[in-house]
Structures are given as structure tokens and as C-alpha cells.
Amino acid sequence: MGGIYTGTNQEYPDAPLDNSLEKGREFLDFVMLNLKALGIYMQPFTSKRYQYDVGESINGIEVKYDSRFTDTGRLSIEIAEKTRASNKDWTPSGIYREDNTWLYVQGNFDHFFIFIKKHLVFLHKTGRYQEGESHGTVKKFYLPIEDAERWGHKVHSSNVSVCQVKRHPE
């Protein structure tokens, strides 16, 4: 997740926003500060090599920014991806990626949820949740907030004093 932000999204050219990687990085930093306040220390890998070979972080925590979930009333849990919409094949990702991830954090700057990854896999495999695609590059299933509150630990950013980090305008 490291590197220099250039204002373009060369890795995922079909992403809806040029700055989507930067927003994800900012959210990762935000989550790390909040987790630290809860006594959980996260160390993300910064190279693509270790992210692909091991996982997103040395301690098995993956973080996903979901900017609209408070508006939609549901989390969009990633299950597969491809770098371009024109690619034919999907790659397992998110909760189905085979790596060291055991905790899955998803939400936005208002609040986020901490899940045990295998619980999300179980919920998806029940087949009771709607699935969808974004921009032809991400497959996901939609987890209603009520179920997220039942299965995950909800962290309110206003309850953690370290969250008073000054935010830059969008």
C-alpha cells in the first residue's frame, strides 16, 4: 500500500476515482491509529511482493474503505477482482484471498467494523445475501448493517480520542 501518490490509478485503470488508492491509504492510516488506541498494533506491508505473497499486513489484518456504507445501509464485502474490466477471468480477493489474513476491517471515517474473516466467508456461503459488481472489476456481497453489528465489532471514531486527526477536504 506504500509508494508515492501520483494522482492517477495506473494499477486499476477502471477504478471510479483517480485517487481511490490514496483514499484507501488514508483510511488504512486512520484505522491503524484507532486500532492502536484499542491495543491492537497493525504493521502493513508496503511492497507488492509481500502483499501478494503474505498478505496486507504482517499480523494478518486487512483493511477496506467503504465510503458509502452509511448511506446504503450495507457493507460491500469483496470476494473477487480483476485489474481491468476487459479481463475475462476473476481472481479470488478480499475474504477469499488465500493469505495470512484472519481479521478483516471495513468501514469509513465515521465508524468501521472488525470481523473474523472466516465469519464473513461463512455468511457469504449461506447464499442469503445479494451479490453485485462494481465497474466490472470487483465482485462483492452486500452485508446489511444489522448483520455487520451482529457479527463484527463496531468501532465509533468519535469514541476514540486519537481520531481527532485533521482531515483534508475531499
C-alpha atoms as a PDB file:
ATOM      1  CA  MET A   1       0.000   0.000   0.000  1.00  0.00           C
ATOM      2  CA  GLY A   2       3.039   2.277   0.126  1.00  0.00           C
ATOM      3  CA  GLY A   3       4.653   4.322  -2.556  1.00  0.00           C
ATOM      4  CA  ILE A   4       4.280   7.777  -3.980  1.00  0.00           C
ATOM      5  CA  TYR A   5       0.815   9.085  -4.808  1.00  0.00           C
ATOM      6  CA  THR A   6       0.783  10.461  -8.343  1.00  0.00           C
ATOM      7  CA  GLY A   7      -2.888  11.340  -8.700  1.00  0.00           C
ATOM      8  CA  THR A   8      -3.617   8.530 -11.151  1.00  0.00           C
ATOM      9  CA  ASN A   9      -4.620   4.952 -10.678  1.00  0.00           C
ATOM     10  CA  GLN A  10      -2.348   3.028 -13.040  1.00  0.00           C
ATOM     11  CA  GLU A  11      -2.797  -0.342 -11.312  1.00  0.00           C
ATOM     12  CA  TYR A  12      -6.585  -0.215 -11.629  1.00  0.00           C
ATOM     13  CA  PRO A  13      -7.395   1.954 -14.666  1.00  0.00           C
ATOM     14  CA  ASP A  14     -11.134   1.197 -14.471  1.00  0.00           C
ATOM     15  CA  ALA A  15     -11.430   2.410 -10.853  1.00  0.00           C
ATOM     16  CA  PRO A  16     -14.140   5.075 -10.481  1.00  0.00           C
ATOM     17  CA  LEU A  17     -11.818   7.700  -8.957  1.00  0.00           C
ATOM     18  CA  ASP A  18      -8.243   8.573  -9.776  1.00  0.00           C
ATOM     19  CA  ASN A  19      -7.485   8.965  -6.072  1.00  0.00           C
ATOM     20  CA  SER A  20      -9.121   5.734  -4.859  1.00  0.00           C
ATOM     21  CA  LEU A  21      -5.777   4.203  -3.864  1.00  0.00           C
ATOM     22  CA  GLU A  22      -4.845   7.328  -1.905  1.00  0.00           C
ATOM     23  CA  LYS A  23      -8.225   7.332  -0.114  1.00  0.00           C
ATOM     24  CA  GLY A  24      -7.643   3.705   0.816  1.00  0.00           C
ATOM     25  CA  ARG A  25      -4.181   4.538   2.165  1.00  0.00           C
ATOM     26  CA  GLU A  26      -5.563   7.413   4.220  1.00  0.00           C
ATOM     27  CA  PHE A  27      -8.249   5.125   5.651  1.00  0.00           C
ATOM     28  CA  LEU A  28      -5.620   2.480   6.458  1.00  0.00           C
ATOM     29  CA  ASP A  29      -3.656   5.046   8.474  1.00  0.00           C
ATOM     30  CA  PHE A  30      -6.863   6.151  10.207  1.00  0.00           C
ATOM     31  CA  VAL A  31      -7.728   2.558  11.129  1.00  0.00           C
ATOM     32  CA  MET A  32      -4.193   1.878  12.379  1.00  0.00           C
ATOM     33  CA  LEU A  33      -4.432   4.850  14.777  1.00  0.00           C
ATOM     34  CA  ASN A  34      -7.819   3.662  16.029  1.00  0.00           C
ATOM     35  CA  LEU A  35      -6.656   0.065  16.441  1.00  0.00           C
ATOM     36  CA  LYS A  36      -3.598   1.267  18.369  1.00  0.00           C
ATOM     37  CA  ALA A  37      -5.938   3.134  20.740  1.00  0.00           C
ATOM     38  CA  LEU A  38      -7.678  -0.234  21.279  1.00  0.00           C
ATOM     39  CA  GLY A  39      -4.358  -2.007  21.948  1.00  0.00           C
ATOM     40  CA  ILE A  40      -4.126  -3.637  18.505  1.00  0.00           C
ATOM     41  CA  TYR A  41      -0.970  -2.825  16.589  1.00  0.00           C
ATOM     42  CA  MET A  42      -1.040  -3.280  12.824  1.00  0.00           C
ATOM     43  CA  GLN A  43       2.016  -3.343  10.580  1.00  0.00           C
ATOM     44  CA  PRO A  44       1.084  -3.227   6.875  1.00  0.00           C
ATOM     45  CA  PHE A  45       3.396  -4.447   4.162  1.00  0.00           C
ATOM     46  CA  THR A  46       4.368  -1.695   1.733  1.00  0.00           C
ATOM     47  CA  SER A  47       5.718  -3.739  -1.170  1.00  0.00           C
ATOM     48  CA  LYS A  48       3.509  -5.504  -3.690  1.00  0.00           C
ATOM     49  CA  ARG A  49       5.687  -8.605  -3.348  1.00  0.00           C
ATOM     50  CA  TYR A  50       4.911  -9.130   0.337  1.00  0.00           C
ATOM     51  CA  GLN A  51       1.286  -8.054  -0.048  1.00  0.00           C
ATOM     52  CA  TYR A  52       0.817 -10.735  -2.734  1.00  0.00           C
ATOM     53  CA  ASP A  53       2.992 -13.430  -1.137  1.00  0.00           C
ATOM     54  CA  VAL A  54       1.995 -12.988   2.529  1.00  0.00           C
ATOM     55  CA  GLY A  55      -0.961 -10.621   2.951  1.00  0.00           C
ATOM     56  CA  GLU A  56      -1.770  -6.990   3.553  1.00  0.00           C
ATOM     57  CA  SER A  57      -0.091  -6.865   6.959  1.00  0.00           C
ATOM     58  CA  ILE A  58       2.429  -8.820   8.974  1.00  0.00           C
ATOM     59  CA  ASN A  59      -0.185  -9.599  11.631  1.00  0.00           C
ATOM     60  CA  GLY A  60      -2.970 -10.733   9.284  1.00  0.00           C
ATOM     61  CA  ILE A  61      -5.253  -7.687   9.287  1.00  0.00           C
ATOM     62  CA  GLU A  62      -6.795  -6.421   6.037  1.00  0.00           C
ATOM     63  CA  VAL A  63      -8.474  -3.009   5.795  1.00  0.00           C
ATOM     64  CA  LYS A  64     -11.103  -1.972   3.216  1.00  0.00           C
ATOM     65  CA  TYR A  65     -12.516   1.527   2.792  1.00  0.00           C
ATOM     66  CA  ASP A  66     -16.267   1.537   2.126  1.00  0.00           C
ATOM     67  CA  SER A  67     -17.155   5.218   1.741  1.00  0.00           C
ATOM     68  CA  ARG A  68     -20.875   4.774   1.061  1.00  0.00           C
ATOM     69  CA  PHE A  69     -21.918   2.072   3.518  1.00  0.00           C
ATOM     70  CA  THR A  70     -23.583   4.503   5.929  1.00  0.00           C
ATOM     71  CA  ASP A  71     -25.678   5.840   3.015  1.00  0.00           C
ATOM     72  CA  THR A  72     -26.575   2.412   1.605  1.00  0.00           C
ATOM     73  CA  GLY A  73     -27.089   0.639   4.934  1.00  0.00           C
ATOM     74  CA  ARG A  74     -24.833  -2.231   3.908  1.00  0.00           C
ATOM     75  CA  LEU A  75     -21.172  -3.142   3.607  1.00  0.00           C
ATOM     76  CA  SER A  76     -19.853  -4.256   0.208  1.00  0.00           C
ATOM     77  CA  ILE A  77     -17.645  -7.235   1.083  1.00  0.00           C
ATOM     78  CA  GLU A  78     -15.148  -8.024  -1.698  1.00  0.00           C
ATOM     79  CA  ILE A  79     -14.994 -11.608  -2.972  1.00  0.00           C
ATOM     80  CA  ALA A  80     -13.216 -11.354  -6.379  1.00  0.00           C
ATOM     81  CA  GLU A  81     -11.430  -8.834  -8.578  1.00  0.00           C
ATOM     82  CA  LYS A  82      -9.657  -8.177 -11.846  1.00  0.00           C
ATOM     83  CA  THR A  83      -7.350  -5.306 -12.770  1.00  0.00           C
ATOM     84  CA  ARG A  84      -9.321  -4.349 -15.893  1.00  0.00           C
ATOM     85  CA  ALA A  85     -12.978  -4.778 -16.792  1.00  0.00           C
ATOM     86  CA  SER A  86     -11.907  -6.270 -20.127  1.00  0.00           C
ATOM     87  CA  ASN A  87     -10.109  -9.171 -18.412  1.00  0.00           C
ATOM     88  CA  LYS A  88     -12.083 -12.413 -18.750  1.00  0.00           C
ATOM     89  CA  ASP A  89     -11.118 -14.174 -15.523  1.00  0.00           C
ATOM     90  CA  TRP A  90     -11.814 -13.181 -11.935  1.00  0.00           C
ATOM     91  CA  THR A  91      -9.254 -13.656  -9.140  1.00  0.00           C
ATOM     92  CA  PRO A  92     -10.390 -14.530  -5.596  1.00  0.00           C
ATOM     93  CA  SER A  93      -9.828 -11.483  -3.420  1.00  0.00           C
ATOM     94  CA  GLY A  94     -10.994  -9.882  -0.222  1.00  0.00           C
ATOM     95  CA  ILE A  95     -12.348 -12.594   2.051  1.00  0.00           C
ATOM     96  CA  TYR A  96     -11.448 -15.354  -0.437  1.00  0.00           C
ATOM     97  CA  ARG A  97      -7.836 -14.404  -0.929  1.00  0.00           C
ATOM     98  CA  GLU A  98      -5.541 -17.142   0.350  1.00  0.00           C
ATOM     99  CA  ASP A  99      -3.106 -15.270   2.558  1.00  0.00           C
ATOM    100  CA  ASN A 100      -2.398 -14.685   6.246  1.00  0.00           C
ATOM    101  CA  THR A 101      -5.497 -12.527   6.826  1.00  0.00           C
ATOM    102  CA  TRP A 102      -7.644 -13.548   9.754  1.00  0.00           C
ATOM    103  CA  LEU A 103      -9.081 -10.134  10.727  1.00  0.00           C
ATOM    104  CA  TYR A 104     -10.974  -8.049   8.194  1.00  0.00           C
ATOM    105  CA  VAL A 105     -11.671  -4.362   8.894  1.00  0.00           C
ATOM    106  CA  GLN A 106     -14.183  -2.448   6.792  1.00  0.00           C
ATOM    107  CA  GLY A 107     -15.984   0.866   7.052  1.00  0.00           C
ATOM    108  CA  ASN A 108     -15.419   4.587   6.714  1.00  0.00           C
ATOM    109  CA  PHE A 109     -14.175   7.546   8.738  1.00  0.00           C
ATOM    110  CA  ASP A 110     -17.348   7.630  10.875  1.00  0.00           C
ATOM    111  CA  HIS A 111     -17.093   4.028  12.057  1.00  0.00           C
ATOM    112  CA  PHE A 112     -15.809   0.683  10.953  1.00  0.00           C
ATOM    113  CA  PHE A 113     -16.210  -2.983  11.811  1.00  0.00           C
ATOM    114  CA  ILE A 114     -13.640  -5.584  12.784  1.00  0.00           C
ATOM    115  CA  PHE A 115     -14.591  -9.083  11.604  1.00  0.00           C
ATOM    116  CA  ILE A 116     -13.058 -12.501  11.823  1.00  0.00           C
ATOM    117  CA  LYS A 117     -12.532 -13.300   8.148  1.00  0.00           C
ATOM    118  CA  LYS A 118     -13.862 -16.859   8.346  1.00  0.00           C
ATOM    119  CA  HIS A 119     -17.153 -15.497   9.722  1.00  0.00           C
ATOM    120  CA  LEU A 120     -17.569 -13.353   6.588  1.00  0.00           C
ATOM    121  CA  VAL A 121     -16.814 -16.372   4.376  1.00  0.00           C
ATOM    122  CA  PHE A 122     -19.460 -18.344   6.297  1.00  0.00           C
ATOM    123  CA  LEU A 123     -22.018 -15.541   5.869  1.00  0.00           C
ATOM    124  CA  HIS A 124     -21.366 -15.332   2.130  1.00  0.00           C
ATOM    125  CA  LYS A 125     -21.630 -19.102   1.671  1.00  0.00           C
ATOM    126  CA  THR A 126     -25.097 -19.121   3.243  1.00  0.00           C
ATOM    127  CA  GLY A 127     -26.334 -17.646  -0.031  1.00  0.00           C
ATOM    128  CA  ARG A 128     -28.780 -15.312   1.685  1.00  0.00           C
ATOM    129  CA  TYR A 129     -27.016 -12.095   0.661  1.00  0.00           C
ATOM    130  CA  GLN A 130     -27.286 -10.250  -2.630  1.00  0.00           C
ATOM    131  CA  GLU A 131     -24.160 -10.092  -4.801  1.00  0.00           C
ATOM    132  CA  GLY A 132     -23.056  -7.364  -7.172  1.00  0.00           C
ATOM    133  CA  GLU A 133     -20.230  -5.908  -9.258  1.00  0.00           C
ATOM    134  CA  SER A 134     -18.558  -2.512  -9.325  1.00  0.00           C
ATOM    135  CA  HIS A 135     -17.166  -1.082 -12.548  1.00  0.00           C
ATOM    136  CA  GLY A 136     -16.648  -4.588 -13.938  1.00  0.00           C
ATOM    137  CA  THR A 137     -13.591  -5.073 -11.725  1.00  0.00           C
ATOM    138  CA  VAL A 138     -14.859  -6.039  -8.249  1.00  0.00           C
ATOM    139  CA  LYS A 139     -17.358  -8.694  -7.171  1.00  0.00           C
ATOM    140  CA  LYS A 140     -18.880  -8.390  -3.722  1.00  0.00           C
ATOM    141  CA  PHE A 141     -21.716  -9.391  -1.496  1.00  0.00           C
ATOM    142  CA  TYR A 142     -23.802  -6.942   0.480  1.00  0.00           C
ATOM    143  CA  LEU A 143     -23.886  -7.344   4.261  1.00  0.00           C
ATOM    144  CA  PRO A 144     -26.656  -5.307   5.935  1.00  0.00           C
ATOM    145  CA  ILE A 145     -25.516  -3.136   8.840  1.00  0.00           C
ATOM    146  CA  GLU A 146     -27.718  -5.107  11.253  1.00  0.00           C
ATOM    147  CA  ASP A 147     -25.805  -8.296  10.396  1.00  0.00           C
ATOM    148  CA  ALA A 148     -22.473  -6.472  10.498  1.00  0.00           C
ATOM    149  CA  GLU A 149     -23.290  -5.345  14.035  1.00  0.00           C
ATOM    150  CA  ARG A 150     -24.183  -8.918  14.961  1.00  0.00           C
ATOM    151  CA  TRP A 151     -21.003 -10.499  13.534  1.00  0.00           C
ATOM    152  CA  GLY A 152     -18.410  -7.736  13.892  1.00  0.00           C
ATOM    153  CA  HIS A 153     -17.015  -5.372  16.492  1.00  0.00           C
ATOM    154  CA  LYS A 154     -18.130  -1.823  15.694  1.00  0.00           C
ATOM    155  CA  VAL A 155     -15.618   0.978  16.346  1.00  0.00           C
ATOM    156  CA  HIS A 156     -17.012   4.519  16.519  1.00  0.00           C
ATOM    157  CA  SER A 157     -14.334   7.019  15.590  1.00  0.00           C
ATOM    158  CA  SER A 158     -15.880   9.680  17.835  1.00  0.00           C
ATOM    159  CA  ASN A 159     -15.287   7.416  20.852  1.00  0.00           C
ATOM    160  CA  VAL A 160     -11.525   7.206  20.308  1.00  0.00           C
ATOM    161  CA  SER A 161      -9.657  10.419  21.126  1.00  0.00           C
ATOM    162  CA  VAL A 162      -6.866   9.726  18.640  1.00  0.00           C
ATOM    163  CA  CYS A 163      -9.416  10.083  15.835  1.00  0.00           C
ATOM    164  CA  GLN A 164      -9.390  13.855  16.070  1.00  0.00           C
ATOM    165  CA  VAL A 165      -6.854  13.872  13.255  1.00  0.00           C
ATOM    166  CA  LYS A 166      -7.369  16.878  10.986  1.00  0.00           C
ATOM    167  CA  ARG A 167      -8.914  15.730   7.712  1.00  0.00           C
ATOM    168  CA  HIS A 168      -8.142  17.349   4.412  1.00  0.00           C
ATOM    169  CA  PRO A 169     -11.091  18.374   2.253  1.00  0.00           C
ATOM    170  CA  GLU A 170     -12.206  15.814  -0.349  1.00  0.00           C
END
